[in-house]
Amino acid sequence: MSVLTGLARTASRAVGGLALDASSGLARAAEAAKAAVTGETIGPATLRVAVVILSDHDGPLTIAAAMTPSIELAGDVLSRESGIRVRLTGIQVIEEAAPPRALDPRANKRLLLDDVLGRTEFYRRHSAPVNLASAVVGAPITVVVVRNIDGRVTGCSLGISADWVIVQASLFDKSQPHTYDETVLVHELGHALNLPHVRDRQNLMFPASSPPADLRGTTLAGWQTAILQANRHVVPGVVR
């Protein structure tokens, strides 16, 4: 695949994601206005999350049980702060040893470049499938557990241009207190749902988190909740 083709594909996904988010946001605003007039209530929205654990030649990088606290925290934070419940659709362990580029990816702009060049295909191949309906609303986000992320970060998301995020296996190892951090998984989900970094250390989207003594907070502001609720990955709550 040429660089131009990759750029066009990435740009198309990003623009399409923005358009779908805008459309979804307008629809949910209309639902909220109708509910306010009729006295009806809107139930919690839903975010579907899948987990893929990669393996190297020594075996799986972590185990499902080790990830449970981070997944539960994601559910607690998004439910409390934005009225979105997390539904785990499954945890898949890829038994075959992943290629080095997938095990030890680059981060941020370099990861975006690798995505443009087609070097992230291993993640896409093992991500949760997106059908025609979920491509519009409710596409699941896949959390891919990798061995090491270059660039002094432990998690990375390409935002609206990808339906997957990557997190480092050491985040889930309680025997490593200086890397164990339950906030990173939900922080990266926030990026996948269009949230940028903020300067408030108590906010979930604060860029830095230094375990064990100086973890970021898990609060969200009203404007962040509005962005989350309008995202195409989020299935709207049912009017009751």
Protein backbone atom coordinates (compact mmCIF):
# COMPACT_ATOMS: atom_id res chain seq x y z
CA MET A 1 0.00 0.00 0.00
CA SER A 2 1.38 3.44 -0.92
CA VAL A 3 1.75 6.27 1.59
CA LEU A 4 -0.84 8.31 -0.30
CA THR A 5 -3.33 5.45 -0.17
CA GLY A 6 -2.72 5.03 3.55
CA LEU A 7 -3.12 8.77 4.17
CA ALA A 8 -6.37 8.79 2.21
CA ARG A 9 -7.69 5.81 4.17
CA THR A 10 -6.77 7.36 7.54
CA ALA A 11 -8.21 10.74 6.59
CA SER A 12 -11.41 9.09 5.37
CA ARG A 13 -11.83 7.23 8.67
CA ALA A 14 -11.22 10.41 10.66
CA VAL A 15 -13.60 12.58 8.64
CA GLY A 16 -16.20 9.83 8.62
CA GLY A 17 -15.88 9.47 12.37
CA LEU A 18 -16.38 13.19 12.91
CA ALA A 19 -19.45 13.22 10.68
CA LEU A 20 -20.94 10.21 12.47
CA ASP A 21 -20.23 11.77 15.86
CA ALA A 22 -21.92 15.01 14.81
CA SER A 23 -24.93 13.14 13.47
CA SER A 24 -25.13 10.97 16.58
CA GLY A 25 -24.80 13.99 18.85
CA LEU A 26 -27.69 15.79 17.17
CA ALA A 27 -29.88 12.71 17.43
CA ARG A 28 -29.14 12.32 21.14
CA ALA A 29 -29.77 16.00 21.79
CA ALA A 30 -33.18 15.60 20.15
CA GLU A 31 -33.88 12.54 22.31
CA ALA A 32 -32.93 14.42 25.46
CA ALA A 33 -35.15 17.37 24.55
CA LYS A 34 -38.09 15.07 23.86
CA ALA A 35 -37.57 13.23 27.15
CA ALA A 36 -37.51 16.55 29.03
CA VAL A 37 -40.86 17.54 27.54
CA THR A 38 -42.59 14.17 28.01
CA GLY A 39 -41.12 13.41 31.43
CA GLU A 40 -39.51 10.22 30.15
CA THR A 41 -36.05 9.17 31.28
CA ILE A 42 -33.16 7.93 29.20
CA GLY A 43 -31.35 4.83 30.43
CA PRO A 44 -27.57 4.49 30.46
CA ALA A 45 -25.68 4.44 27.19
CA THR A 46 -23.36 1.51 26.41
CA LEU A 47 -19.77 1.23 25.21
CA ARG A 48 -18.69 -2.20 23.97
CA VAL A 49 -15.07 -3.09 24.68
CA ALA A 50 -13.10 -6.13 23.53
CA VAL A 51 -9.66 -7.13 24.79
CA VAL A 52 -6.92 -8.85 22.78
CA ILE A 53 -3.85 -10.15 24.62
CA LEU A 54 -0.83 -10.71 22.40
CA SER A 55 1.82 -13.38 22.93
CA ASP A 56 5.55 -13.46 22.36
CA HIS A 57 7.73 -16.56 22.20
CA ASP A 58 7.41 -16.96 25.99
CA GLY A 59 3.60 -17.03 25.84
CA PRO A 60 0.76 -14.55 26.56
CA LEU A 61 1.89 -11.14 27.80
CA THR A 62 -0.65 -11.12 30.64
CA ILE A 63 -3.74 -12.99 31.82
CA ALA A 64 -7.37 -11.95 31.80
CA ALA A 65 -7.65 -11.90 35.61
CA ALA A 66 -4.81 -9.37 35.85
CA MET A 67 -6.77 -6.96 33.65
CA THR A 68 -9.99 -7.17 35.66
CA PRO A 69 -9.25 -4.20 38.00
CA SER A 70 -8.52 -1.87 35.05
CA ILE A 71 -11.63 -3.00 33.17
CA GLU A 72 -13.79 -2.58 36.27
CA LEU A 73 -12.34 0.88 36.88
CA ALA A 74 -13.19 1.84 33.29
CA GLY A 75 -16.77 0.76 33.90
CA ASP A 76 -16.98 2.61 37.23
CA VAL A 77 -15.50 5.85 35.88
CA LEU A 78 -17.55 6.04 32.68
CA SER A 79 -20.75 5.09 34.49
CA ARG A 80 -20.23 7.57 37.33
CA GLU A 81 -18.91 10.46 35.28
CA SER A 82 -20.84 10.17 32.01
CA GLY A 83 -23.69 7.67 32.37
CA ILE A 84 -22.04 5.17 30.03
CA ARG A 85 -21.77 1.52 31.03
CA VAL A 86 -18.93 -0.60 29.69
CA ARG A 87 -19.90 -3.98 28.30
CA LEU A 88 -16.96 -6.33 27.92
CA THR A 89 -17.61 -8.43 24.83
CA GLY A 90 -14.72 -10.82 25.43
CA ILE A 91 -11.03 -11.32 26.16
CA GLN A 92 -9.11 -13.10 23.41
CA VAL A 93 -5.58 -14.45 23.80
CA ILE A 94 -3.68 -14.69 20.51
CA GLU A 95 -1.59 -17.81 21.00
CA GLU A 96 0.68 -17.29 17.99
CA ALA A 97 3.69 -15.12 18.69
CA ALA A 98 2.99 -11.66 17.33
CA PRO A 99 5.55 -9.98 15.04
CA PRO A 100 8.04 -7.66 16.80
CA ARG A 101 6.44 -4.57 15.26
CA ALA A 102 3.11 -5.48 16.87
CA LEU A 103 4.66 -6.50 20.20
CA ASP A 104 6.78 -3.34 20.54
CA PRO A 105 4.96 -0.57 18.66
CA ARG A 106 5.92 3.03 18.36
CA ALA A 107 3.70 5.74 19.87
CA ASN A 108 1.81 8.89 18.96
CA LYS A 109 2.77 10.44 15.60
CA ARG A 110 5.03 7.52 14.74
CA LEU A 111 2.21 5.06 15.45
CA LEU A 112 -0.01 7.13 13.18
CA LEU A 113 2.65 6.94 10.47
CA ASP A 114 2.87 3.17 10.93
CA ASP A 115 -0.91 2.98 10.60
CA VAL A 116 -0.77 4.97 7.36
CA LEU A 117 1.91 2.62 6.05
CA GLY A 118 -0.15 -0.46 6.91
CA ARG A 119 2.15 -1.62 9.71
CA THR A 120 -0.70 -1.96 12.23
CA GLU A 121 -2.60 -4.56 10.23
CA PHE A 122 -1.99 -7.20 12.93
CA TYR A 123 -4.10 -5.13 15.35
CA ARG A 124 -6.87 -4.62 12.82
CA ARG A 125 -6.93 -8.29 11.92
CA HIS A 126 -7.53 -9.29 15.53
CA SER A 127 -9.82 -6.42 16.51
CA ALA A 128 -13.52 -6.93 17.19
CA PRO A 129 -15.41 -7.10 13.87
CA VAL A 130 -17.39 -4.04 12.83
CA ASN A 131 -20.52 -4.77 10.79
CA LEU A 132 -22.54 -2.30 8.75
CA ALA A 133 -24.82 -1.34 11.65
CA SER A 134 -22.04 -0.86 14.21
CA ALA A 135 -19.99 1.14 11.72
CA VAL A 136 -22.63 3.84 12.23
CA VAL A 137 -23.39 3.45 15.93
CA GLY A 138 -21.90 1.20 18.59
CA ALA A 139 -18.67 0.01 16.99
CA PRO A 140 -16.68 -1.79 19.71
CA ILE A 141 -13.28 -0.53 20.79
CA THR A 142 -10.57 -3.18 21.05
CA VAL A 143 -7.88 -2.89 23.72
CA VAL A 144 -4.70 -4.61 22.48
CA VAL A 145 -2.15 -5.62 25.11
CA VAL A 146 1.40 -5.23 23.77
CA ARG A 147 4.82 -5.94 25.28
CA ASN A 148 6.41 -2.50 25.20
CA ILE A 149 5.50 0.87 23.69
CA ASP A 150 8.39 2.98 22.47
CA GLY A 151 8.33 6.62 23.47
CA ARG A 152 8.11 6.52 27.30
CA VAL A 153 4.36 5.89 27.34
CA THR A 154 2.36 2.88 28.49
CA GLY A 155 -0.75 3.40 26.36
CA CYS A 156 -1.61 4.98 23.02
CA SER A 157 -4.67 5.69 20.90
CA LEU A 158 -5.08 7.04 17.39
CA GLY A 159 -8.36 8.67 18.37
CA ILE A 160 -11.18 8.59 15.85
CA SER A 161 -8.98 7.13 13.10
CA ALA A 162 -8.86 3.66 14.70
CA ASP A 163 -11.26 1.36 16.56
CA TRP A 164 -8.42 0.00 18.74
CA VAL A 165 -6.02 1.25 21.40
CA ILE A 166 -2.78 -0.27 22.69
CA VAL A 167 -1.73 -0.71 26.32
CA GLN A 168 1.48 -2.11 27.76
CA ALA A 169 1.38 -5.44 29.61
CA SER A 170 3.32 -4.07 32.61
CA LEU A 171 0.28 -1.93 33.49
CA PHE A 172 -1.45 -5.05 34.79
CA ASP A 173 1.42 -6.58 36.78
CA LYS A 174 0.98 -5.77 40.48
CA SER A 175 4.51 -7.00 41.15
CA GLN A 176 5.75 -3.92 39.26
CA PRO A 177 4.40 -1.03 41.39
CA HIS A 178 6.15 1.63 39.32
CA THR A 179 4.29 0.64 36.15
CA TYR A 180 1.05 -0.86 37.52
CA ASP A 181 -1.65 1.73 36.71
CA GLU A 182 -5.37 1.01 36.46
CA THR A 183 -6.15 4.46 34.97
CA VAL A 184 -4.34 4.01 31.65
CA LEU A 185 -6.86 1.68 30.01
CA VAL A 186 -9.82 4.00 30.59
CA HIS A 187 -7.66 7.04 29.70
CA GLU A 188 -6.93 5.49 26.29
CA LEU A 189 -10.62 4.66 25.83
CA GLY A 190 -11.25 8.36 26.43
CA HIS A 191 -8.91 9.25 23.58
CA ALA A 192 -10.62 6.70 21.31
CA LEU A 193 -13.88 8.48 22.13
CA ASN A 194 -12.43 11.85 21.01
CA LEU A 195 -11.32 13.30 24.36
CA PRO A 196 -8.10 15.39 24.25
CA HIS A 197 -5.64 15.90 27.09
CA VAL A 198 -6.47 18.49 29.76
CA ARG A 199 -4.34 20.27 32.39
CA ASP A 200 -6.40 19.29 35.45
CA ARG A 201 -4.45 16.61 37.34
CA GLN A 202 -7.69 15.26 38.84
CA ASN A 203 -9.19 14.73 35.40
CA LEU A 204 -9.08 11.36 33.65
CA MET A 205 -7.52 12.98 30.58
CA PHE A 206 -4.52 14.50 32.38
CA PRO A 207 -1.56 13.34 30.26
CA ALA A 208 0.73 12.08 33.02
CA SER A 209 0.28 9.35 35.62
CA SER A 210 3.17 8.19 37.80
CA PRO A 211 2.50 5.07 39.84
CA PRO A 212 2.40 4.23 42.59
CA ALA A 213 2.20 7.58 44.40
CA ASP A 214 1.05 10.09 41.80
CA LEU A 215 -1.76 8.64 39.71
CA ARG A 216 -3.99 10.87 37.57
CA GLY A 217 -7.56 11.47 38.75
CA THR A 218 -10.69 9.99 37.22
CA THR A 219 -13.12 12.91 37.04
CA LEU A 220 -14.69 14.26 33.84
CA ALA A 221 -16.11 17.70 33.06
CA GLY A 222 -19.53 18.31 31.57
CA TRP A 223 -18.16 19.12 28.11
CA GLN A 224 -16.24 15.84 28.12
CA THR A 225 -19.39 13.91 28.99
CA ALA A 226 -21.18 15.57 26.05
CA ILE A 227 -18.42 14.44 23.67
CA LEU A 228 -18.55 10.89 25.02
CA GLN A 229 -22.32 10.66 24.73
CA ALA A 230 -22.18 11.88 21.12
CA ASN A 231 -19.52 9.42 20.02
CA ARG A 232 -20.34 6.82 17.38
CA HIS A 233 -18.90 4.04 19.55
CA VAL A 234 -21.53 4.69 22.22
CA VAL A 235 -24.94 3.06 21.92
CA PRO A 236 -27.57 5.55 23.19
CA GLY A 237 -29.63 4.75 26.25
CA VAL A 238 -33.20 3.57 25.73
CA VAL A 239 -36.00 6.04 26.52
CA ARG A 240 -38.17 4.71 29.32
